[in-house]
Amino acid sequence: MPGRLRSASGSGVAEFTVVTVAGTIARAIARAIGRVMSIVENRKAFHDYFIEERFEAGISLEGWEVKAIRGGRANLKEAYVVVKGGELMLIGAHIAALTTASTHVHPDPTRTRRLLMHREEINRLIGMVERAGYTLKPIDLHYSKGRVKLAIGLAKGKKQHDKRATIKEREWNREQQRLLRSHGPAGRSRETA
């Protein structure tokens, strides 16, 4: 919200901008350095699936949903993407309405939302899902040029032994980092150095 402020000498008027939300600053910084700012991540997707390819899709949202997403009230944990009538639909994503939502709007937090992509991309994804046995999982919600986008992963399911191998590898990497921190790069203990 722009405002006016008198200078100390009283002769001129200086323009200033009041920033009321910390998220506005974070979005401005992310835009300045060119990074995509993630709103919500679906970490369970990486645990349960091998993500082989990523795609970005727009989402058909209502006004209250955009406000709720900007407020961080979205959840993708139980969400999945299906093909219906040649279109991609996001099912099971939970977007909780803000308490300050209008009283004449009756929000449905888990409604089916249409995903927006180019026809060639949709046809390619449909072919992979129907013929090659892949599935489509939502990976994260993020901002791209001021609009809310959904990252979709072309995924294959992990078996139980694959999940255990991933956990074992992650624990080994943590152990290596812990050992490097405690012994330093030269292999000596920090206590003896």
N, C-alpha and C. Protein backbone atom coordinates (compact mmCIF):
# COMPACT_ATOMS: atom_id res chain seq x y z
N MET A 1 0.85 -1.16 0.00
CA MET A 1 0.00 0.00 0.00
C MET A 1 0.89 1.22 0.00
N PRO A 2 0.89 2.02 -1.03
CA PRO A 2 1.74 3.20 -1.09
C PRO A 2 1.24 4.26 -0.12
N GLY A 3 2.16 5.06 0.36
CA GLY A 3 1.80 6.13 1.28
C GLY A 3 2.68 7.34 1.05
N ARG A 4 2.45 8.38 1.82
CA ARG A 4 3.25 9.59 1.70
C ARG A 4 3.84 9.92 3.06
N LEU A 5 5.03 10.48 3.02
CA LEU A 5 5.73 10.84 4.24
C LEU A 5 6.39 12.18 4.04
N ARG A 6 6.19 13.12 4.94
CA ARG A 6 6.84 14.43 4.86
C ARG A 6 8.30 14.28 5.23
N SER A 7 9.16 14.97 4.52
CA SER A 7 10.58 14.95 4.84
C SER A 7 10.81 15.75 6.11
N ALA A 8 11.98 15.58 6.71
CA ALA A 8 12.30 16.26 7.96
C ALA A 8 12.26 17.77 7.81
N SER A 9 12.66 18.28 6.65
CA SER A 9 12.66 19.73 6.44
C SER A 9 11.25 20.25 6.18
N GLY A 10 10.31 19.34 5.85
CA GLY A 10 8.95 19.74 5.61
C GLY A 10 8.69 20.30 4.23
N SER A 11 9.75 20.36 3.42
CA SER A 11 9.59 20.98 2.11
C SER A 11 9.06 20.02 1.05
N GLY A 12 9.43 18.77 1.12
CA GLY A 12 9.06 17.84 0.06
C GLY A 12 8.29 16.65 0.60
N VAL A 13 7.77 15.88 -0.31
CA VAL A 13 7.04 14.67 0.05
C VAL A 13 7.79 13.49 -0.55
N ALA A 14 8.12 12.52 0.27
CA ALA A 14 8.83 11.32 -0.20
C ALA A 14 7.85 10.16 -0.29
N GLU A 15 7.96 9.38 -1.34
CA GLU A 15 7.10 8.21 -1.52
C GLU A 15 7.73 7.02 -0.77
N PHE A 16 6.89 6.18 -0.19
CA PHE A 16 7.38 4.96 0.45
C PHE A 16 6.33 3.88 0.26
N THR A 17 6.72 2.63 0.50
CA THR A 17 5.81 1.50 0.39
C THR A 17 5.82 0.75 1.70
N VAL A 18 4.65 0.44 2.22
CA VAL A 18 4.53 -0.32 3.45
C VAL A 18 4.34 -1.79 3.09
N VAL A 19 5.22 -2.64 3.60
CA VAL A 19 5.11 -4.07 3.36
C VAL A 19 4.50 -4.69 4.61
N THR A 20 3.32 -5.28 4.45
CA THR A 20 2.61 -5.81 5.61
C THR A 20 2.80 -7.30 5.80
N VAL A 21 3.25 -8.01 4.78
CA VAL A 21 3.36 -9.46 4.87
C VAL A 21 4.80 -9.87 4.58
N ALA A 22 5.34 -10.73 5.45
CA ALA A 22 6.72 -11.20 5.26
C ALA A 22 6.86 -12.00 3.97
N GLY A 23 5.79 -12.68 3.56
CA GLY A 23 5.83 -13.47 2.33
C GLY A 23 6.07 -12.62 1.10
N THR A 24 5.62 -11.37 1.14
CA THR A 24 5.83 -10.47 0.02
C THR A 24 7.32 -10.24 -0.19
N ILE A 25 8.04 -10.08 0.89
CA ILE A 25 9.49 -9.88 0.80
C ILE A 25 10.16 -11.12 0.24
N ALA A 26 9.76 -12.29 0.73
CA ALA A 26 10.35 -13.54 0.25
C ALA A 26 10.08 -13.74 -1.24
N ARG A 27 8.86 -13.43 -1.69
CA ARG A 27 8.54 -13.56 -3.11
C ARG A 27 9.37 -12.59 -3.95
N ALA A 28 9.57 -11.38 -3.44
CA ALA A 28 10.37 -10.40 -4.17
C ALA A 28 11.82 -10.86 -4.29
N ILE A 29 12.36 -11.42 -3.23
CA ILE A 29 13.74 -11.92 -3.26
C ILE A 29 13.85 -13.09 -4.22
N ALA A 30 12.90 -14.04 -4.16
CA ALA A 30 12.93 -15.20 -5.06
C ALA A 30 12.82 -14.75 -6.51
N ARG A 31 11.99 -13.76 -6.78
CA ARG A 31 11.84 -13.26 -8.15
C ARG A 31 13.14 -12.59 -8.60
N ALA A 32 13.79 -11.87 -7.70
CA ALA A 32 15.01 -11.15 -8.06
C ALA A 32 16.15 -12.10 -8.41
N ILE A 33 16.24 -13.22 -7.71
CA ILE A 33 17.34 -14.14 -8.00
C ILE A 33 16.92 -15.24 -8.98
N GLY A 34 15.66 -15.21 -9.45
CA GLY A 34 15.22 -16.11 -10.51
C GLY A 34 14.89 -17.51 -10.05
N ARG A 35 14.71 -17.74 -8.77
CA ARG A 35 14.37 -19.07 -8.28
C ARG A 35 12.88 -19.25 -8.20
N VAL A 36 12.44 -20.50 -8.28
CA VAL A 36 11.04 -20.82 -8.10
C VAL A 36 10.80 -21.00 -6.61
N MET A 37 9.80 -20.30 -6.10
CA MET A 37 9.52 -20.36 -4.67
C MET A 37 8.45 -21.41 -4.39
N SER A 38 8.82 -22.46 -3.69
CA SER A 38 7.90 -23.54 -3.40
C SER A 38 6.95 -23.16 -2.27
N ILE A 39 5.68 -23.47 -2.44
CA ILE A 39 4.68 -23.20 -1.42
C ILE A 39 4.48 -24.43 -0.55
N VAL A 40 4.21 -25.56 -1.22
CA VAL A 40 3.96 -26.83 -0.54
C VAL A 40 4.68 -27.92 -1.30
N GLU A 41 5.34 -28.83 -0.58
CA GLU A 41 6.01 -29.96 -1.21
C GLU A 41 5.31 -31.25 -0.81
N ASN A 42 5.35 -32.23 -1.69
CA ASN A 42 4.80 -33.55 -1.42
C ASN A 42 5.97 -34.51 -1.24
N ARG A 43 6.52 -34.56 -0.04
CA ARG A 43 7.70 -35.41 0.21
C ARG A 43 7.35 -36.89 0.14
N LYS A 44 6.11 -37.21 0.42
CA LYS A 44 5.69 -38.61 0.38
C LYS A 44 5.81 -39.18 -1.03
N ALA A 45 5.66 -38.33 -2.04
CA ALA A 45 5.78 -38.78 -3.42
C ALA A 45 7.18 -39.33 -3.68
N PHE A 46 8.21 -38.69 -3.15
CA PHE A 46 9.58 -39.14 -3.35
C PHE A 46 9.86 -40.41 -2.55
N HIS A 47 9.14 -40.62 -1.46
CA HIS A 47 9.31 -41.81 -0.66
C HIS A 47 8.65 -43.02 -1.32
N ASP A 48 7.51 -42.82 -1.94
CA ASP A 48 6.74 -43.93 -2.49
C ASP A 48 6.97 -44.19 -3.97
N TYR A 49 7.59 -43.25 -4.69
CA TYR A 49 7.73 -43.36 -6.14
C TYR A 49 9.11 -42.95 -6.61
N PHE A 50 9.53 -43.50 -7.75
CA PHE A 50 10.68 -43.00 -8.49
C PHE A 50 10.15 -41.94 -9.44
N ILE A 51 10.56 -40.70 -9.26
CA ILE A 51 10.11 -39.62 -10.14
C ILE A 51 11.10 -39.55 -11.30
N GLU A 52 10.62 -39.87 -12.51
CA GLU A 52 11.50 -39.95 -13.66
C GLU A 52 11.52 -38.66 -14.48
N GLU A 53 10.41 -37.95 -14.51
CA GLU A 53 10.34 -36.70 -15.28
C GLU A 53 9.43 -35.74 -14.56
N ARG A 54 9.71 -34.44 -14.68
CA ARG A 54 8.89 -33.40 -14.05
C ARG A 54 8.25 -32.53 -15.12
N PHE A 55 7.02 -32.12 -14.85
CA PHE A 55 6.29 -31.21 -15.73
C PHE A 55 5.66 -30.12 -14.88
N GLU A 56 5.42 -28.97 -15.49
CA GLU A 56 4.77 -27.87 -14.80
C GLU A 56 3.40 -27.64 -15.42
N ALA A 57 2.38 -27.53 -14.57
CA ALA A 57 1.02 -27.32 -15.05
C ALA A 57 0.38 -26.18 -14.27
N GLY A 58 -0.46 -25.43 -14.97
CA GLY A 58 -1.26 -24.43 -14.29
C GLY A 58 -2.46 -25.13 -13.65
N ILE A 59 -3.11 -24.44 -12.72
CA ILE A 59 -4.27 -25.02 -12.04
C ILE A 59 -5.43 -24.05 -12.18
N SER A 60 -6.59 -24.59 -12.43
CA SER A 60 -7.80 -23.78 -12.48
C SER A 60 -8.30 -23.62 -11.04
N LEU A 61 -8.12 -22.43 -10.47
CA LEU A 61 -8.46 -22.18 -9.08
C LEU A 61 -9.51 -21.09 -8.96
N GLU A 62 -10.24 -21.11 -7.86
CA GLU A 62 -11.15 -20.04 -7.52
C GLU A 62 -10.40 -19.02 -6.67
N GLY A 63 -10.99 -17.85 -6.50
CA GLY A 63 -10.32 -16.77 -5.78
C GLY A 63 -9.95 -17.12 -4.36
N TRP A 64 -10.87 -17.75 -3.63
CA TRP A 64 -10.58 -18.10 -2.23
C TRP A 64 -9.46 -19.12 -2.14
N GLU A 65 -9.31 -19.98 -3.17
CA GLU A 65 -8.25 -20.99 -3.16
C GLU A 65 -6.88 -20.33 -3.32
N VAL A 66 -6.80 -19.32 -4.18
CA VAL A 66 -5.53 -18.62 -4.38
C VAL A 66 -5.12 -17.93 -3.08
N LYS A 67 -6.08 -17.28 -2.41
CA LYS A 67 -5.77 -16.62 -1.15
C LYS A 67 -5.32 -17.63 -0.09
N ALA A 68 -5.98 -18.78 -0.03
CA ALA A 68 -5.62 -19.80 0.94
C ALA A 68 -4.24 -20.38 0.65
N ILE A 69 -3.92 -20.58 -0.63
CA ILE A 69 -2.60 -21.11 -0.99
C ILE A 69 -1.53 -20.09 -0.62
N ARG A 70 -1.77 -18.81 -0.90
CA ARG A 70 -0.80 -17.78 -0.52
C ARG A 70 -0.63 -17.73 1.00
N GLY A 71 -1.67 -18.12 1.73
CA GLY A 71 -1.59 -18.18 3.19
C GLY A 71 -0.99 -19.48 3.70
N GLY A 72 -0.60 -20.38 2.79
CA GLY A 72 0.06 -21.62 3.18
C GLY A 72 -0.89 -22.69 3.69
N ARG A 73 -2.13 -22.69 3.25
CA ARG A 73 -3.13 -23.63 3.76
C ARG A 73 -3.44 -24.73 2.76
N ALA A 74 -2.44 -25.23 2.06
CA ALA A 74 -2.63 -26.30 1.07
C ALA A 74 -1.87 -27.55 1.51
N ASN A 75 -2.38 -28.72 1.09
CA ASN A 75 -1.76 -29.99 1.42
C ASN A 75 -1.88 -30.92 0.22
N LEU A 76 -0.76 -31.50 -0.20
CA LEU A 76 -0.73 -32.40 -1.37
C LEU A 76 -0.48 -33.85 -0.99
N LYS A 77 -0.46 -34.16 0.28
CA LYS A 77 -0.04 -35.50 0.71
C LYS A 77 -0.89 -36.62 0.12
N GLU A 78 -2.18 -36.47 0.07
CA GLU A 78 -3.07 -37.52 -0.43
C GLU A 78 -3.52 -37.26 -1.88
N ALA A 79 -2.92 -36.30 -2.55
CA ALA A 79 -3.37 -35.91 -3.88
C ALA A 79 -2.78 -36.82 -4.97
N TYR A 80 -3.50 -36.88 -6.08
CA TYR A 80 -3.02 -37.61 -7.24
C TYR A 80 -3.63 -36.99 -8.49
N VAL A 81 -3.05 -37.29 -9.65
CA VAL A 81 -3.50 -36.74 -10.91
C VAL A 81 -4.06 -37.88 -11.76
N VAL A 82 -5.25 -37.66 -12.34
CA VAL A 82 -5.88 -38.66 -13.20
C VAL A 82 -6.24 -38.03 -14.54
N VAL A 83 -6.47 -38.89 -15.52
CA VAL A 83 -6.89 -38.45 -16.84
C VAL A 83 -8.39 -38.69 -16.96
N LYS A 84 -9.15 -37.63 -17.25
CA LYS A 84 -10.60 -37.75 -17.45
C LYS A 84 -10.96 -37.00 -18.71
N GLY A 85 -11.46 -37.72 -19.70
CA GLY A 85 -11.91 -37.08 -20.92
C GLY A 85 -10.83 -36.31 -21.65
N GLY A 86 -9.62 -36.81 -21.65
CA GLY A 86 -8.53 -36.13 -22.34
C GLY A 86 -7.97 -34.94 -21.59
N GLU A 87 -8.36 -34.75 -20.32
CA GLU A 87 -7.84 -33.65 -19.50
C GLU A 87 -7.21 -34.23 -18.25
N LEU A 88 -6.30 -33.48 -17.66
CA LEU A 88 -5.68 -33.88 -16.40
C LEU A 88 -6.41 -33.22 -15.25
N MET A 89 -6.73 -34.01 -14.23
CA MET A 89 -7.45 -33.51 -13.07
C MET A 89 -6.66 -33.81 -11.80
N LEU A 90 -6.61 -32.83 -10.90
CA LEU A 90 -5.98 -32.99 -9.60
C LEU A 90 -7.06 -33.37 -8.60
N ILE A 91 -6.90 -34.53 -7.99
CA ILE A 91 -7.90 -35.05 -7.05
C ILE A 91 -7.25 -35.23 -5.69
N GLY A 92 -7.96 -34.86 -4.65
CA GLY A 92 -7.49 -35.11 -3.29
C GLY A 92 -6.60 -34.04 -2.70
N ALA A 93 -6.31 -32.99 -3.41
CA ALA A 93 -5.52 -31.89 -2.84
C ALA A 93 -6.41 -31.13 -1.88
N HIS A 94 -5.93 -30.88 -0.69
CA HIS A 94 -6.73 -30.21 0.33
C HIS A 94 -6.27 -28.76 0.46
N ILE A 95 -7.17 -27.84 0.15
CA ILE A 95 -6.90 -26.42 0.31
C ILE A 95 -7.94 -25.89 1.28
N ALA A 96 -7.52 -25.62 2.50
CA ALA A 96 -8.43 -25.16 3.55
C ALA A 96 -8.74 -23.68 3.36
N ALA A 97 -10.00 -23.34 3.47
CA ALA A 97 -10.42 -21.95 3.29
C ALA A 97 -9.94 -21.11 4.47
N LEU A 98 -9.68 -19.85 4.21
CA LEU A 98 -9.32 -18.92 5.27
C LEU A 98 -10.54 -18.62 6.12
N THR A 99 -10.31 -18.29 7.36
CA THR A 99 -11.43 -17.97 8.25
C THR A 99 -12.10 -16.66 7.85
N THR A 100 -11.37 -15.83 7.11
CA THR A 100 -11.92 -14.54 6.67
C THR A 100 -12.60 -14.63 5.31
N ALA A 101 -12.88 -15.85 4.84
CA ALA A 101 -13.51 -16.02 3.53
C ALA A 101 -14.92 -15.46 3.56
N SER A 102 -15.40 -15.09 2.42
CA SER A 102 -16.73 -14.52 2.28
C SER A 102 -17.79 -15.51 2.73
N THR A 103 -18.88 -15.01 3.26
CA THR A 103 -19.94 -15.90 3.75
C THR A 103 -20.82 -16.43 2.62
N HIS A 104 -20.85 -15.76 1.47
CA HIS A 104 -21.68 -16.26 0.38
C HIS A 104 -20.98 -17.32 -0.48
N VAL A 105 -19.70 -17.57 -0.22
CA VAL A 105 -18.95 -18.62 -0.92
C VAL A 105 -18.88 -19.84 -0.01
N HIS A 106 -19.28 -20.99 -0.51
CA HIS A 106 -19.22 -22.23 0.28
C HIS A 106 -18.08 -23.08 -0.26
N PRO A 107 -16.89 -22.96 0.33
CA PRO A 107 -15.71 -23.64 -0.21
C PRO A 107 -15.75 -25.14 0.01
N ASP A 108 -15.26 -25.87 -1.00
CA ASP A 108 -15.07 -27.32 -0.92
C ASP A 108 -13.57 -27.56 -0.94
N PRO A 109 -12.97 -27.89 0.19
CA PRO A 109 -11.50 -27.98 0.25
C PRO A 109 -10.88 -29.06 -0.62
N THR A 110 -11.62 -30.12 -0.92
CA THR A 110 -11.03 -31.23 -1.69
C THR A 110 -11.66 -31.39 -3.06
N ARG A 111 -12.16 -30.33 -3.64
CA ARG A 111 -12.80 -30.44 -4.95
C ARG A 111 -11.79 -30.85 -6.02
N THR A 112 -12.27 -31.40 -7.11
CA THR A 112 -11.43 -31.78 -8.24
C THR A 112 -11.06 -30.52 -9.02
N ARG A 113 -9.77 -30.34 -9.27
CA ARG A 113 -9.28 -29.14 -9.97
C ARG A 113 -8.67 -29.53 -11.31
N ARG A 114 -8.97 -28.76 -12.34
CA ARG A 114 -8.47 -29.04 -13.69
C ARG A 114 -7.05 -28.49 -13.81
N LEU A 115 -6.17 -29.28 -14.44
CA LEU A 115 -4.80 -28.84 -14.68
C LEU A 115 -4.67 -28.33 -16.10
N LEU A 116 -3.88 -27.29 -16.28
CA LEU A 116 -3.76 -26.62 -17.56
C LEU A 116 -2.37 -26.87 -18.14
N MET A 117 -2.33 -27.55 -19.29
CA MET A 117 -1.08 -27.83 -19.99
C MET A 117 -1.36 -27.77 -21.49
N HIS A 118 -0.29 -27.73 -22.29
CA HIS A 118 -0.44 -27.77 -23.73
C HIS A 118 -0.94 -29.15 -24.16
N ARG A 119 -1.72 -29.21 -25.21
CA ARG A 119 -2.32 -30.45 -25.69
C ARG A 119 -1.26 -31.51 -25.99
N GLU A 120 -0.12 -31.11 -26.58
CA GLU A 120 0.94 -32.09 -26.91
C GLU A 120 1.49 -32.73 -25.63
N GLU A 121 1.67 -31.92 -24.59
CA GLU A 121 2.18 -32.46 -23.32
C GLU A 121 1.16 -33.41 -22.69
N ILE A 122 -0.11 -33.03 -22.73
CA ILE A 122 -1.15 -33.88 -22.16
C ILE A 122 -1.21 -35.21 -22.90
N ASN A 123 -1.16 -35.17 -24.24
CA ASN A 123 -1.20 -36.42 -25.02
C ASN A 123 0.00 -37.30 -24.71
N ARG A 124 1.17 -36.71 -24.55
CA ARG A 124 2.37 -37.49 -24.22
C ARG A 124 2.21 -38.15 -22.85
N LEU A 125 1.71 -37.40 -21.87
CA LEU A 125 1.51 -37.96 -20.53
C LEU A 125 0.46 -39.06 -20.54
N ILE A 126 -0.61 -38.86 -21.28
CA ILE A 126 -1.65 -39.89 -21.37
C ILE A 126 -1.07 -41.17 -21.95
N GLY A 127 -0.25 -41.05 -22.99
CA GLY A 127 0.38 -42.23 -23.59
C GLY A 127 1.27 -42.96 -22.62
N MET A 128 2.05 -42.22 -21.84
CA MET A 128 2.95 -42.85 -20.87
C MET A 128 2.17 -43.54 -19.75
N VAL A 129 1.10 -42.92 -19.31
CA VAL A 129 0.31 -43.50 -18.22
C VAL A 129 -0.42 -44.75 -18.69
N GLU A 130 -1.03 -44.70 -19.89
CA GLU A 130 -1.83 -45.83 -20.36
C GLU A 130 -0.98 -46.99 -20.87
N ARG A 131 0.13 -46.70 -21.55
CA ARG A 131 0.91 -47.77 -22.18
C ARG A 131 2.08 -48.25 -21.33
N ALA A 132 2.78 -47.34 -20.71
CA ALA A 132 4.03 -47.71 -20.04
C ALA A 132 3.88 -47.97 -18.55
N GLY A 133 2.68 -47.82 -18.01
CA GLY A 133 2.47 -48.14 -16.60
C GLY A 133 2.96 -47.10 -15.62
N TYR A 134 3.08 -45.88 -16.06
CA TYR A 134 3.48 -44.81 -15.15
C TYR A 134 2.25 -44.24 -14.45
N THR A 135 2.49 -43.45 -13.42
CA THR A 135 1.44 -42.72 -12.75
C THR A 135 1.87 -41.26 -12.64
N LEU A 136 0.94 -40.37 -12.41
CA LEU A 136 1.23 -38.95 -12.28
C LEU A 136 1.02 -38.54 -10.83
N LYS A 137 2.06 -37.99 -10.21
CA LYS A 137 1.98 -37.55 -8.82
C LYS A 137 2.29 -36.06 -8.73
N PRO A 138 1.51 -35.31 -7.96
CA PRO A 138 1.84 -33.91 -7.73
C PRO A 138 3.08 -33.83 -6.82
N ILE A 139 4.05 -33.01 -7.21
CA ILE A 139 5.29 -32.90 -6.43
C ILE A 139 5.27 -31.67 -5.54
N ASP A 140 4.94 -30.52 -6.11
CA ASP A 140 4.87 -29.32 -5.29
C ASP A 140 4.03 -28.24 -5.95
N LEU A 141 3.59 -27.31 -5.13
CA LEU A 141 2.94 -26.08 -5.59
C LEU A 141 3.98 -24.99 -5.48
N HIS A 142 4.08 -24.15 -6.50
CA HIS A 142 5.05 -23.06 -6.46
C HIS A 142 4.55 -21.88 -7.27
N TYR A 143 5.21 -20.75 -7.08
CA TYR A 143 4.90 -19.56 -7.85
C TYR A 143 5.79 -19.51 -9.08
N SER A 144 5.22 -19.13 -10.19
CA SER A 144 5.99 -18.89 -11.40
C SER A 144 5.40 -17.65 -12.05
N LYS A 145 6.17 -16.59 -12.06
CA LYS A 145 5.73 -15.30 -12.60
C LYS A 145 4.43 -14.84 -11.95
N GLY A 146 4.34 -15.01 -10.65
CA GLY A 146 3.19 -14.53 -9.90
C GLY A 146 1.98 -15.43 -9.93
N ARG A 147 2.05 -16.56 -10.61
CA ARG A 147 0.91 -17.48 -10.70
C ARG A 147 1.24 -18.78 -9.98
N VAL A 148 0.22 -19.41 -9.44
CA VAL A 148 0.40 -20.69 -8.75
C VAL A 148 0.48 -21.80 -9.78
N LYS A 149 1.54 -22.58 -9.73
CA LYS A 149 1.74 -23.70 -10.65
C LYS A 149 1.92 -24.99 -9.85
N LEU A 150 1.68 -26.11 -10.51
CA LEU A 150 1.84 -27.42 -9.89
C LEU A 150 2.90 -28.19 -10.65
N ALA A 151 3.88 -28.71 -9.94
CA ALA A 151 4.88 -29.59 -10.55
C ALA A 151 4.35 -31.01 -10.46
N ILE A 152 4.30 -31.68 -11.61
CA ILE A 152 3.80 -33.06 -11.69
C ILE A 152 4.98 -33.96 -12.02
N GLY A 153 5.03 -35.11 -11.37
CA GLY A 153 6.08 -36.07 -11.64
C GLY A 153 5.53 -37.29 -12.36
N LEU A 154 6.21 -37.70 -13.42
CA LEU A 154 5.90 -38.96 -14.10
C LEU A 154 6.62 -40.03 -13.28
N ALA A 155 5.88 -40.90 -12.62
CA ALA A 155 6.46 -41.73 -11.57
C ALA A 155 6.15 -43.21 -11.76
N LYS A 156 7.05 -44.03 -11.24
CA LYS A 156 6.84 -45.47 -11.12
C LYS A 156 6.90 -45.81 -9.64
N GLY A 157 6.03 -46.70 -9.20
CA GLY A 157 5.96 -47.05 -7.78
C GLY A 157 7.20 -47.78 -7.30
N LYS A 158 7.58 -47.51 -6.05
CA LYS A 158 8.70 -48.22 -5.43
C LYS A 158 8.18 -49.46 -4.72
N LYS A 159 8.97 -50.51 -4.75
CA LYS A 159 8.68 -51.70 -3.96
C LYS A 159 9.22 -51.46 -2.56
N GLN A 160 8.84 -52.34 -1.62
CA GLN A 160 9.27 -52.16 -0.23
C GLN A 160 10.79 -52.21 -0.10
N HIS A 161 11.46 -53.11 -0.85
CA HIS A 161 12.92 -53.20 -0.73
C HIS A 161 13.60 -51.94 -1.31
N ASP A 162 12.97 -51.30 -2.29
CA ASP A 162 13.51 -50.04 -2.82
C ASP A 162 13.43 -48.95 -1.76
N LYS A 163 12.33 -48.91 -1.02
CA LYS A 163 12.19 -47.91 0.04
C LYS A 163 13.25 -48.13 1.12
N ARG A 164 13.49 -49.40 1.47
CA ARG A 164 14.49 -49.69 2.49
C ARG A 164 15.88 -49.30 2.00
N ALA A 165 16.18 -49.54 0.74
CA ALA A 165 17.48 -49.17 0.18
C ALA A 165 17.67 -47.66 0.19
N THR A 166 16.61 -46.92 -0.11
CA THR A 166 16.69 -45.46 -0.08
C THR A 166 16.95 -44.96 1.33
N ILE A 167 16.27 -45.53 2.31
CA ILE A 167 16.47 -45.13 3.70
C ILE A 167 17.88 -45.46 4.15
N LYS A 168 18.37 -46.64 3.76
CA LYS A 168 19.72 -47.06 4.14
C LYS A 168 20.76 -46.12 3.55
N GLU A 169 20.59 -45.74 2.29
CA GLU A 169 21.52 -44.82 1.63
C GLU A 169 21.49 -43.44 2.29
N ARG A 170 20.30 -42.97 2.63
CA ARG A 170 20.18 -41.66 3.28
C ARG A 170 20.86 -41.67 4.65
N GLU A 171 20.68 -42.76 5.42
CA GLU A 171 21.32 -42.86 6.73
C GLU A 171 22.84 -42.94 6.60
N TRP A 172 23.35 -43.64 5.59
CA TRP A 172 24.78 -43.73 5.36
C TRP A 172 25.36 -42.35 5.02
N ASN A 173 24.65 -41.59 4.19
CA ASN A 173 25.12 -40.23 3.86
C ASN A 173 25.16 -39.35 5.10
N ARG A 174 24.17 -39.48 5.98
CA ARG A 174 24.17 -38.71 7.24
C ARG A 174 25.35 -39.10 8.11
N GLU A 175 25.62 -40.39 8.17
CA GLU A 175 26.74 -40.89 8.98
C GLU A 175 28.07 -40.36 8.44
N GLN A 176 28.21 -40.36 7.10
CA GLN A 176 29.44 -39.81 6.50
C GLN A 176 29.61 -38.34 6.85
N GLN A 177 28.54 -37.57 6.75
CA GLN A 177 28.62 -36.15 7.08
C GLN A 177 28.96 -35.94 8.55
N ARG A 178 28.39 -36.77 9.43
CA ARG A 178 28.68 -36.66 10.85
C ARG A 178 30.15 -36.98 11.13
N LEU A 179 30.67 -38.00 10.47
CA LEU A 179 32.08 -38.36 10.65
C LEU A 179 33.01 -37.27 10.13
N LEU A 180 32.67 -36.69 8.98
CA LEU A 180 33.49 -35.60 8.44
C LEU A 180 33.48 -34.39 9.36
N ARG A 181 32.34 -34.10 9.95
CA ARG A 181 32.27 -32.95 10.87
C ARG A 181 33.08 -33.20 12.13
N SER A 182 33.03 -34.41 12.67
CA SER A 182 33.72 -34.68 13.93
C SER A 182 35.22 -34.87 13.75
N HIS A 183 35.67 -35.40 12.60
CA HIS A 183 37.09 -35.66 12.40
C HIS A 183 37.77 -34.66 11.51
N GLY A 184 37.04 -33.83 10.85
CA GLY A 184 37.64 -32.83 9.96
C GLY A 184 38.11 -33.44 8.67
N PRO A 185 38.53 -32.59 7.73
CA PRO A 185 38.91 -33.09 6.42
C PRO A 185 40.22 -33.87 6.40
N ALA A 186 41.12 -33.67 7.38
CA ALA A 186 42.42 -34.36 7.36
C ALA A 186 42.35 -35.71 8.03
N GLY A 187 41.19 -36.08 8.55
CA GLY A 187 41.05 -37.39 9.17
C GLY A 187 41.43 -37.39 10.64
N ARG A 188 41.81 -36.23 11.19
CA ARG A 188 42.19 -36.15 12.59
C ARG A 188 40.96 -35.78 13.42
N SER A 189 40.96 -36.19 14.63
CA SER A 189 39.89 -35.81 15.53
C SER A 189 40.09 -34.36 15.95
N ARG A 190 39.03 -33.63 16.11
CA ARG A 190 39.14 -32.23 16.50
C ARG A 190 39.64 -32.08 17.93
N GLU A 191 39.38 -33.09 18.76
CA GLU A 191 39.82 -33.02 20.15
C GLU A 191 41.34 -33.08 20.24
N THR A 192 42.01 -33.82 19.34
CA THR A 192 43.46 -33.96 19.40
C THR A 192 44.18 -32.87 18.63
N ALA A 193 43.47 -32.14 17.79
CA ALA A 193 44.11 -31.12 16.96
C ALA A 193 44.41 -29.86 17.71
